Every structure is written in structure tokens, then in C-alpha cells.
Amino acid sequence: MGIVKISDAMHENLRVASHALSRSINAQAEHWMRIGMLAELYPDLDHSGICRLLIRAEQAGGLDLKQLSELAETSRATTMRAVGGARP
């Protein structure tokens, strides 16, 4: 665990979102960090794809980057097959 310094404006955004979504400020920040991290790692996934990936990761024991990569590849292959463009 560590301390992350953020701007006052971002802290206010976190406070508002955390209250609206019934999360602690720290939980809201961690949620946004997860979403952002996965969006950068897997730019081809949309928000719903990222959410499905997070749910599968949780069912598999948590957010481990190695395991998450494997889940993302499985998700990507399934999506490609569903739209008729299976990857080699």
C-alpha cells in the first residue's frame, strides 16, 4: 500500500463518484485505475468488455496481470469468432 498524490479537482471528482456509487473514495480510485490500466493494455476492448474481463478475473481469484492477459486473449478470440473474423 502507498500514498498517491492527486489534484484537488480529481479528489473532488472521486468524492462525488464514490458517494453516488456507494464506494469509498479509495475504492472508487482503485476502480478507475483498473479500468484505465485495462483500457491502455487492451485498447480493442470497450467498457463492457473490460467489465466482463474484470468479472472473469474476480471469479478466477483476482486481478493478476499474467492471468488477466490470458483471460483477455480468450475474450479476444471469443469475440473475433463471434463476429466471424477468427484470428490465426
PDB file of N, CA and C in Angstrom:
ATOM      1  N   MET A   1       0.850  -1.166   0.000  1.00  0.00           N
ATOM      2  CA  MET A   1       0.000   0.000   0.000  1.00  0.00           C
ATOM      3  C   MET A   1       0.894   1.226   0.000  1.00  0.00           C
ATOM      4  N   GLY A   2       0.421   2.277  -0.615  1.00  0.00           N
ATOM      5  CA  GLY A   2       1.193   3.506  -0.670  1.00  0.00           C
ATOM      6  C   GLY A   2       0.278   4.708  -0.752  1.00  0.00           C
ATOM      7  N   ILE A   3       0.908   5.839  -0.839  1.00  0.00           N
ATOM      8  CA  ILE A   3       0.173   7.095  -0.947  1.00  0.00           C
ATOM      9  C   ILE A   3       0.337   7.616  -2.363  1.00  0.00           C
ATOM     10  N   VAL A   4      -0.764   8.008  -2.977  1.00  0.00           N
ATOM     11  CA  VAL A   4      -0.743   8.584  -4.310  1.00  0.00           C
ATOM     12  C   VAL A   4      -1.269  10.002  -4.189  1.00  0.00           C
ATOM     13  N   LYS A   5      -0.486  10.950  -4.679  1.00  0.00           N
ATOM     14  CA  LYS A   5      -0.923  12.345  -4.634  1.00  0.00           C
ATOM     15  C   LYS A   5      -1.701  12.655  -5.898  1.00  0.00           C
ATOM     16  N   ILE A   6      -2.867  13.250  -5.712  1.00  0.00           N
ATOM     17  CA  ILE A   6      -3.704  13.657  -6.839  1.00  0.00           C
ATOM     18  C   ILE A   6      -4.127  15.101  -6.636  1.00  0.00           C
ATOM     19  N   SER A   7      -4.609  15.702  -7.703  1.00  0.00           N
ATOM     20  CA  SER A   7      -5.047  17.094  -7.632  1.00  0.00           C
ATOM     21  C   SER A   7      -6.318  17.220  -6.792  1.00  0.00           C
ATOM     22  N   ASP A   8      -6.567  18.412  -6.329  1.00  0.00           N
ATOM     23  CA  ASP A   8      -7.804  18.672  -5.574  1.00  0.00           C
ATOM     24  C   ASP A   8      -9.030  18.423  -6.447  1.00  0.00           C
ATOM     25  N   ALA A   9      -8.932  18.790  -7.725  1.00  0.00           N
ATOM     26  CA  ALA A   9     -10.071  18.597  -8.629  1.00  0.00           C
ATOM     27  C   ALA A   9     -10.371  17.101  -8.802  1.00  0.00           C
ATOM     28  N   MET A  10      -9.333  16.288  -8.961  1.00  0.00           N
ATOM     29  CA  MET A  10      -9.557  14.842  -9.107  1.00  0.00           C
ATOM     30  C   MET A  10     -10.116  14.256  -7.816  1.00  0.00           C
ATOM     31  N   HIS A  11      -9.629  14.738  -6.680  1.00  0.00           N
ATOM     32  CA  HIS A  11     -10.150  14.256  -5.401  1.00  0.00           C
ATOM     33  C   HIS A  11     -11.631  14.571  -5.280  1.00  0.00           C
ATOM     34  N   GLU A  12     -12.024  15.742  -5.718  1.00  0.00           N
ATOM     35  CA  GLU A  12     -13.441  16.113  -5.673  1.00  0.00           C
ATOM     36  C   GLU A  12     -14.251  15.212  -6.599  1.00  0.00           C
ATOM     37  N   ASN A  13     -13.725  14.937  -7.790  1.00  0.00           N
ATOM     38  CA  ASN A  13     -14.405  14.012  -8.708  1.00  0.00           C
ATOM     39  C   ASN A  13     -14.563  12.635  -8.072  1.00  0.00           C
ATOM     40  N   LEU A  14     -13.528  12.173  -7.410  1.00  0.00           N
ATOM     41  CA  LEU A  14     -13.583  10.882  -6.714  1.00  0.00           C
ATOM     42  C   LEU A  14     -14.624  10.901  -5.606  1.00  0.00           C
ATOM     43  N   ARG A  15     -14.647  11.995  -4.856  1.00  0.00           N
ATOM     44  CA  ARG A  15     -15.601  12.105  -3.751  1.00  0.00           C
ATOM     45  C   ARG A  15     -17.028  12.018  -4.262  1.00  0.00           C
ATOM     46  N   VAL A  16     -17.332  12.761  -5.324  1.00  0.00           N
ATOM     47  CA  VAL A  16     -18.683  12.770  -5.885  1.00  0.00           C
ATOM     48  C   VAL A  16     -19.049  11.387  -6.433  1.00  0.00           C
ATOM     49  N   ALA A  17     -18.144  10.798  -7.247  1.00  0.00           N
ATOM     50  CA  ALA A  17     -18.427   9.489  -7.836  1.00  0.00           C
ATOM     51  C   ALA A  17     -18.552   8.413  -6.767  1.00  0.00           C
ATOM     52  N   SER A  18     -17.679   8.455  -5.766  1.00  0.00           N
ATOM     53  CA  SER A  18     -17.731   7.428  -4.722  1.00  0.00           C
ATOM     54  C   SER A  18     -19.037   7.505  -3.944  1.00  0.00           C
ATOM     55  N   HIS A  19     -19.492   8.701  -3.685  1.00  0.00           N
ATOM     56  CA  HIS A  19     -20.758   8.863  -2.962  1.00  0.00           C
ATOM     57  C   HIS A  19     -21.914   8.350  -3.816  1.00  0.00           C
ATOM     58  N   ALA A  20     -21.914   8.715  -5.099  1.00  0.00           N
ATOM     59  CA  ALA A  20     -23.000   8.310  -5.997  1.00  0.00           C
ATOM     60  C   ALA A  20     -23.044   6.796  -6.186  1.00  0.00           C
ATOM     61  N   LEU A  21     -21.880   6.152  -6.159  1.00  0.00           N
ATOM     62  CA  LEU A  21     -21.811   4.717  -6.430  1.00  0.00           C
ATOM     63  C   LEU A  21     -21.628   3.872  -5.174  1.00  0.00           C
ATOM     64  N   SER A  22     -21.792   4.498  -4.017  1.00  0.00           N
ATOM     65  CA  SER A  22     -21.713   3.799  -2.726  1.00  0.00           C
ATOM     66  C   SER A  22     -20.384   3.058  -2.543  1.00  0.00           C
ATOM     67  N   ARG A  23     -19.300   3.734  -2.900  1.00  0.00           N
ATOM     68  CA  ARG A  23     -17.957   3.200  -2.693  1.00  0.00           C
ATOM     69  C   ARG A  23     -17.183   4.177  -1.829  1.00  0.00           C
ATOM     70  N   SER A  24     -16.126   3.681  -1.207  1.00  0.00           N
ATOM     71  CA  SER A  24     -15.219   4.606  -0.531  1.00  0.00           C
ATOM     72  C   SER A  24     -14.432   5.363  -1.601  1.00  0.00           C
ATOM     73  N   ILE A  25     -13.836   6.473  -1.224  1.00  0.00           N
ATOM     74  CA  ILE A  25     -13.017   7.230  -2.170  1.00  0.00           C
ATOM     75  C   ILE A  25     -11.884   6.347  -2.686  1.00  0.00           C
ATOM     76  N   ASN A  26     -11.252   5.600  -1.801  1.00  0.00           N
ATOM     77  CA  ASN A  26     -10.159   4.718  -2.226  1.00  0.00           C
ATOM     78  C   ASN A  26     -10.657   3.636  -3.185  1.00  0.00           C
ATOM     79  N   ALA A  27     -11.818   3.052  -2.902  1.00  0.00           N
ATOM     80  CA  ALA A  27     -12.364   2.022  -3.789  1.00  0.00           C
ATOM     81  C   ALA A  27     -12.706   2.602  -5.152  1.00  0.00           C
ATOM     82  N   GLN A  28     -13.232   3.823  -5.180  1.00  0.00           N
ATOM     83  CA  GLN A  28     -13.551   4.466  -6.458  1.00  0.00           C
ATOM     84  C   GLN A  28     -12.276   4.741  -7.246  1.00  0.00           C
ATOM     85  N   ALA A  29     -11.245   5.233  -6.571  1.00  0.00           N
ATOM     86  CA  ALA A  29      -9.963   5.492  -7.245  1.00  0.00           C
ATOM     87  C   ALA A  29      -9.383   4.197  -7.806  1.00  0.00           C
ATOM     88  N   GLU A  30      -9.428   3.134  -7.022  1.00  0.00           N
ATOM     89  CA  GLU A  30      -8.905   1.856  -7.485  1.00  0.00           C
ATOM     90  C   GLU A  30      -9.706   1.339  -8.678  1.00  0.00           C
ATOM     91  N   HIS A  31     -11.007   1.516  -8.655  1.00  0.00           N
ATOM     92  CA  HIS A  31     -11.856   1.099  -9.777  1.00  0.00           C
ATOM     93  C   HIS A  31     -11.450   1.841 -11.048  1.00  0.00           C
ATOM     94  N   TRP A  32     -11.311   3.162 -10.951  1.00  0.00           N
ATOM     95  CA  TRP A  32     -10.919   3.946 -12.121  1.00  0.00           C
ATOM     96  C   TRP A  32      -9.521   3.560 -12.598  1.00  0.00           C
ATOM     97  N   MET A  33      -8.623   3.254 -11.677  1.00  0.00           N
ATOM     98  CA  MET A  33      -7.274   2.842 -12.074  1.00  0.00           C
ATOM     99  C   MET A  33      -7.308   1.508 -12.808  1.00  0.00           C
ATOM    100  N   ARG A  34      -8.118   0.571 -12.325  1.00  0.00           N
ATOM    101  CA  ARG A  34      -8.247  -0.722 -13.007  1.00  0.00           C
ATOM    102  C   ARG A  34      -8.765  -0.530 -14.434  1.00  0.00           C
ATOM    103  N   ILE A  35      -9.844   0.245 -14.556  1.00  0.00           N
ATOM    104  CA  ILE A  35     -10.441   0.484 -15.868  1.00  0.00           C
ATOM    105  C   ILE A  35      -9.425   1.147 -16.793  1.00  0.00           C
ATOM    106  N   GLY A  36      -8.738   2.154 -16.304  1.00  0.00           N
ATOM    107  CA  GLY A  36      -7.748   2.853 -17.116  1.00  0.00           C
ATOM    108  C   GLY A  36      -6.583   1.962 -17.510  1.00  0.00           C
ATOM    109  N   MET A  37      -6.094   1.167 -16.571  1.00  0.00           N
ATOM    110  CA  MET A  37      -4.985   0.257 -16.847  1.00  0.00           C
ATOM    111  C   MET A  37      -5.384  -0.729 -17.943  1.00  0.00           C
ATOM    112  N   LEU A  38      -6.568  -1.310 -17.806  1.00  0.00           N
ATOM    113  CA  LEU A  38      -7.018  -2.292 -18.789  1.00  0.00           C
ATOM    114  C   LEU A  38      -7.309  -1.645 -20.138  1.00  0.00           C
ATOM    115  N   ALA A  39      -7.808  -0.417 -20.136  1.00  0.00           N
ATOM    116  CA  ALA A  39      -8.048   0.292 -21.399  1.00  0.00           C
ATOM    117  C   ALA A  39      -6.735   0.536 -22.130  1.00  0.00           C
ATOM    118  N   GLU A  40      -5.666   0.825 -21.391  1.00  0.00           N
ATOM    119  CA  GLU A  40      -4.366   1.015 -22.025  1.00  0.00           C
ATOM    120  C   GLU A  40      -3.762  -0.309 -22.491  1.00  0.00           C
ATOM    121  N   LEU A  41      -3.915  -1.355 -21.698  1.00  0.00           N
ATOM    122  CA  LEU A  41      -3.352  -2.656 -22.068  1.00  0.00           C
ATOM    123  C   LEU A  41      -4.114  -3.316 -23.211  1.00  0.00           C
ATOM    124  N   TYR A  42      -5.427  -3.097 -23.263  1.00  0.00           N
ATOM    125  CA  TYR A  42      -6.286  -3.742 -24.261  1.00  0.00           C
ATOM    126  C   TYR A  42      -7.170  -2.700 -24.945  1.00  0.00           C
ATOM    127  N   PRO A  43      -6.581  -1.867 -25.814  1.00  0.00           N
ATOM    128  CA  PRO A  43      -7.345  -0.780 -26.436  1.00  0.00           C
ATOM    129  C   PRO A  43      -8.484  -1.257 -27.341  1.00  0.00           C
ATOM    130  N   ASP A  44      -8.472  -2.523 -27.722  1.00  0.00           N
ATOM    131  CA  ASP A  44      -9.549  -3.050 -28.555  1.00  0.00           C
ATOM    132  C   ASP A  44     -10.796  -3.409 -27.756  1.00  0.00           C
ATOM    133  N   LEU A  45     -10.698  -3.452 -26.419  1.00  0.00           N
ATOM    134  CA  LEU A  45     -11.869  -3.752 -25.588  1.00  0.00           C
ATOM    135  C   LEU A  45     -12.624  -2.468 -25.267  1.00  0.00           C
ATOM    136  N   ASP A  46     -13.945  -2.511 -25.369  1.00  0.00           N
ATOM    137  CA  ASP A  46     -14.753  -1.385 -24.928  1.00  0.00           C
ATOM    138  C   ASP A  46     -15.039  -1.535 -23.437  1.00  0.00           C
ATOM    139  N   HIS A  47     -15.788  -0.613 -22.873  1.00  0.00           N
ATOM    140  CA  HIS A  47     -16.047  -0.629 -21.434  1.00  0.00           C
ATOM    141  C   HIS A  47     -16.723  -1.924 -21.001  1.00  0.00           C
ATOM    142  N   SER A  48     -17.701  -2.400 -21.763  1.00  0.00           N
ATOM    143  CA  SER A  48     -18.377  -3.634 -21.362  1.00  0.00           C
ATOM    144  C   SER A  48     -17.421  -4.825 -21.441  1.00  0.00           C
ATOM    145  N   GLY A  49     -16.511  -4.834 -22.413  1.00  0.00           N
ATOM    146  CA  GLY A  49     -15.513  -5.898 -22.496  1.00  0.00           C
ATOM    147  C   GLY A  49     -14.569  -5.873 -21.311  1.00  0.00           C
ATOM    148  N   ILE A  50     -14.184  -4.675 -20.898  1.00  0.00           N
ATOM    149  CA  ILE A  50     -13.319  -4.535 -19.726  1.00  0.00           C
ATOM    150  C   ILE A  50     -14.049  -5.015 -18.475  1.00  0.00           C
ATOM    151  N   CYS A  51     -15.316  -4.676 -18.347  1.00  0.00           N
ATOM    152  CA  CYS A  51     -16.099  -5.122 -17.186  1.00  0.00           C
ATOM    153  C   CYS A  51     -16.220  -6.644 -17.158  1.00  0.00           C
ATOM    154  N   ARG A  52     -16.470  -7.248 -18.319  1.00  0.00           N
ATOM    155  CA  ARG A  52     -16.538  -8.717 -18.376  1.00  0.00           C
ATOM    156  C   ARG A  52     -15.197  -9.328 -17.990  1.00  0.00           C
ATOM    157  N   LEU A  53     -14.118  -8.714 -18.447  1.00  0.00           N
ATOM    158  CA  LEU A  53     -12.780  -9.191 -18.108  1.00  0.00           C
ATOM    159  C   LEU A  53     -12.538  -9.100 -16.603  1.00  0.00           C
ATOM    160  N   LEU A  54     -12.945  -8.000 -15.979  1.00  0.00           N
ATOM    161  CA  LEU A  54     -12.795  -7.843 -14.528  1.00  0.00           C
ATOM    162  C   LEU A  54     -13.612  -8.883 -13.766  1.00  0.00           C
ATOM    163  N   ILE A  55     -14.800  -9.174 -14.242  1.00  0.00           N
ATOM    164  CA  ILE A  55     -15.637 -10.173 -13.577  1.00  0.00           C
ATOM    165  C   ILE A  55     -15.002 -11.551 -13.684  1.00  0.00           C
ATOM    166  N   ARG A  56     -14.522 -11.905 -14.889  1.00  0.00           N
ATOM    167  CA  ARG A  56     -13.854 -13.199 -15.044  1.00  0.00           C
ATOM    168  C   ARG A  56     -12.590 -13.270 -14.191  1.00  0.00           C
ATOM    169  N   ALA A  57     -11.852 -12.168 -14.109  1.00  0.00           N
ATOM    170  CA  ALA A  57     -10.642 -12.142 -13.275  1.00  0.00           C
ATOM    171  C   ALA A  57     -11.007 -12.375 -11.815  1.00  0.00           C
ATOM    172  N   GLU A  58     -12.071 -11.749 -11.370  1.00  0.00           N
ATOM    173  CA  GLU A  58     -12.503 -11.922  -9.974  1.00  0.00           C
ATOM    174  C   GLU A  58     -12.911 -13.370  -9.719  1.00  0.00           C
ATOM    175  N   GLN A  59     -13.625 -13.960 -10.643  1.00  0.00           N
ATOM    176  CA  GLN A  59     -14.034 -15.357 -10.490  1.00  0.00           C
ATOM    177  C   GLN A  59     -12.827 -16.301 -10.478  1.00  0.00           C
ATOM    178  N   ALA A  60     -11.753 -15.876 -11.143  1.00  0.00           N
ATOM    179  CA  ALA A  60     -10.545 -16.702 -11.217  1.00  0.00           C
ATOM    180  C   ALA A  60      -9.582 -16.415 -10.066  1.00  0.00           C
ATOM    181  N   GLY A  61      -9.983 -15.550  -9.141  1.00  0.00           N
ATOM    182  CA  GLY A  61      -9.152 -15.330  -7.963  1.00  0.00           C
ATOM    183  C   GLY A  61      -8.587 -13.936  -7.791  1.00  0.00           C
ATOM    184  N   GLY A  62      -8.897 -13.016  -8.689  1.00  0.00           N
ATOM    185  CA  GLY A  62      -8.435 -11.646  -8.506  1.00  0.00           C
ATOM    186  C   GLY A  62      -7.697 -11.099  -9.708  1.00  0.00           C
ATOM    187  N   LEU A  63      -7.263  -9.871  -9.575  1.00  0.00           N
ATOM    188  CA  LEU A  63      -6.648  -9.141 -10.674  1.00  0.00           C
ATOM    189  C   LEU A  63      -5.143  -9.375 -10.697  1.00  0.00           C
ATOM    190  N   ASP A  64      -4.739 -10.476 -11.325  1.00  0.00           N
ATOM    191  CA  ASP A  64      -3.328 -10.801 -11.523  1.00  0.00           C
ATOM    192  C   ASP A  64      -3.012 -10.520 -12.989  1.00  0.00           C
ATOM    193  N   LEU A  65      -1.999  -9.697 -13.269  1.00  0.00           N
ATOM    194  CA  LEU A  65      -1.759  -9.276 -14.649  1.00  0.00           C
ATOM    195  C   LEU A  65      -1.474 -10.439 -15.598  1.00  0.00           C
ATOM    196  N   LYS A  66      -0.730 -11.435 -15.158  1.00  0.00           N
ATOM    197  CA  LYS A  66      -0.443 -12.578 -16.029  1.00  0.00           C
ATOM    198  C   LYS A  66      -1.733 -13.326 -16.362  1.00  0.00           C
ATOM    199  N   GLN A  67      -2.499 -13.602 -15.326  1.00  0.00           N
ATOM    200  CA  GLN A  67      -3.767 -14.309 -15.526  1.00  0.00           C
ATOM    201  C   GLN A  67      -4.725 -13.456 -16.350  1.00  0.00           C
ATOM    202  N   LEU A  68      -4.721 -12.148 -16.107  1.00  0.00           N
ATOM    203  CA  LEU A  68      -5.594 -11.234 -16.827  1.00  0.00           C
ATOM    204  C   LEU A  68      -5.265 -11.230 -18.311  1.00  0.00           C
ATOM    205  N   SER A  69      -3.987 -11.311 -18.644  1.00  0.00           N
ATOM    206  CA  SER A  69      -3.568 -11.368 -20.047  1.00  0.00           C
ATOM    207  C   SER A  69      -4.147 -12.599 -20.722  1.00  0.00           C
ATOM    208  N   GLU A  70      -4.102 -13.721 -20.018  1.00  0.00           N
ATOM    209  CA  GLU A  70      -4.657 -14.954 -20.572  1.00  0.00           C
ATOM    210  C   GLU A  70      -6.166 -14.834 -20.762  1.00  0.00           C
ATOM    211  N   LEU A  71      -6.856 -14.228 -19.789  1.00  0.00           N
ATOM    212  CA  LEU A  71      -8.300 -14.040 -19.903  1.00  0.00           C
ATOM    213  C   LEU A  71      -8.632 -13.113 -21.059  1.00  0.00           C
ATOM    214  N   ALA A  72      -7.822 -12.065 -21.239  1.00  0.00           N
ATOM    215  CA  ALA A  72      -8.066 -11.114 -22.323  1.00  0.00           C
ATOM    216  C   ALA A  72      -7.891 -11.779 -23.674  1.00  0.00           C
ATOM    217  N   GLU A  73      -6.880 -12.624 -23.818  1.00  0.00           N
ATOM    218  CA  GLU A  73      -6.669 -13.333 -25.074  1.00  0.00           C
ATOM    219  C   GLU A  73      -7.845 -14.259 -25.367  1.00  0.00           C
ATOM    220  N   THR A  74      -8.337 -14.949 -24.342  1.00  0.00           N
ATOM    221  CA  THR A  74      -9.502 -15.813 -24.509  1.00  0.00           C
ATOM    222  C   THR A  74     -10.713 -14.993 -24.927  1.00  0.00           C
ATOM    223  N   SER A  75     -10.903 -13.847 -24.278  1.00  0.00           N
ATOM    224  CA  SER A  75     -12.024 -12.962 -24.587  1.00  0.00           C
ATOM    225  C   SER A  75     -11.916 -12.438 -26.013  1.00  0.00           C
ATOM    226  N   ARG A  76     -10.732 -12.047 -26.411  1.00  0.00           N
ATOM    227  CA  ARG A  76     -10.492 -11.514 -27.747  1.00  0.00           C
ATOM    228  C   ARG A  76     -10.797 -12.582 -28.801  1.00  0.00           C
ATOM    229  N   ALA A  77     -10.318 -13.796 -28.573  1.00  0.00           N
ATOM    230  CA  ALA A  77     -10.556 -14.887 -29.524  1.00  0.00           C
ATOM    231  C   ALA A  77     -12.038 -15.205 -29.636  1.00  0.00           C
ATOM    232  N   THR A  78     -12.745 -15.217 -28.501  1.00  0.00           N
ATOM    233  CA  THR A  78     -14.185 -15.486 -28.498  1.00  0.00           C
ATOM    234  C   THR A  78     -14.933 -14.408 -29.261  1.00  0.00           C
ATOM    235  N   THR A  79     -14.559 -13.146 -29.038  1.00  0.00           N
ATOM    236  CA  THR A  79     -15.210 -12.030 -29.724  1.00  0.00           C
ATOM    237  C   THR A  79     -14.973 -12.108 -31.223  1.00  0.00           C
ATOM    238  N   MET A  80     -13.732 -12.398 -31.618  1.00  0.00           N
ATOM    239  CA  MET A  80     -13.415 -12.484 -33.040  1.00  0.00           C
ATOM    240  C   MET A  80     -14.203 -13.610 -33.711  1.00  0.00           C
ATOM    241  N   ARG A  81     -14.340 -14.748 -33.029  1.00  0.00           N
ATOM    242  CA  ARG A  81     -15.117 -15.854 -33.600  1.00  0.00           C
ATOM    243  C   ARG A  81     -16.587 -15.448 -33.733  1.00  0.00           C
ATOM    244  N   ALA A  82     -17.089 -14.714 -32.747  1.00  0.00           N
ATOM    245  CA  ALA A  82     -18.498 -14.322 -32.758  1.00  0.00           C
ATOM    246  C   ALA A  82     -18.814 -13.383 -33.920  1.00  0.00           C
ATOM    247  N   VAL A  83     -17.850 -12.558 -34.325  1.00  0.00           N
ATOM    248  CA  VAL A  83     -18.092 -11.631 -35.426  1.00  0.00           C
ATOM    249  C   VAL A  83     -17.593 -12.172 -36.758  1.00  0.00           C
ATOM    250  N   GLY A  84     -17.094 -13.414 -36.749  1.00  0.00           N
ATOM    251  CA  GLY A  84     -16.711 -14.067 -37.983  1.00  0.00           C
ATOM    252  C   GLY A  84     -15.320 -13.753 -38.489  1.00  0.00           C
ATOM    253  N   GLY A  85     -14.457 -13.260 -37.633  1.00  0.00           N
ATOM    254  CA  GLY A  85     -13.104 -12.922 -38.058  1.00  0.00           C
ATOM    255  C   GLY A  85     -12.069 -13.570 -37.190  1.00  0.00           C
ATOM    256  N   ALA A  86     -12.150 -14.868 -36.991  1.00  0.00           N
ATOM    257  CA  ALA A  86     -11.216 -15.567 -36.087  1.00  0.00           C
ATOM    258  C   ALA A  86      -9.774 -15.271 -36.474  1.00  0.00           C
ATOM    259  N   ARG A  87      -8.969 -15.016 -35.456  1.00  0.00           N
ATOM    260  CA  ARG A  87      -7.555 -14.731 -35.666  1.00  0.00           C
ATOM    261  C   ARG A  87      -6.785 -16.036 -35.827  1.00  0.00           C
ATOM    262  N   PRO A  88      -5.700 -15.967 -36.577  1.00  0.00           N
ATOM    263  CA  PRO A  88      -4.890 -17.174 -36.751  1.00  0.00           C
ATOM    264  C   PRO A  88      -4.246 -17.601 -35.468  1.00  0.00           C
TER     265      PRO A  88
END
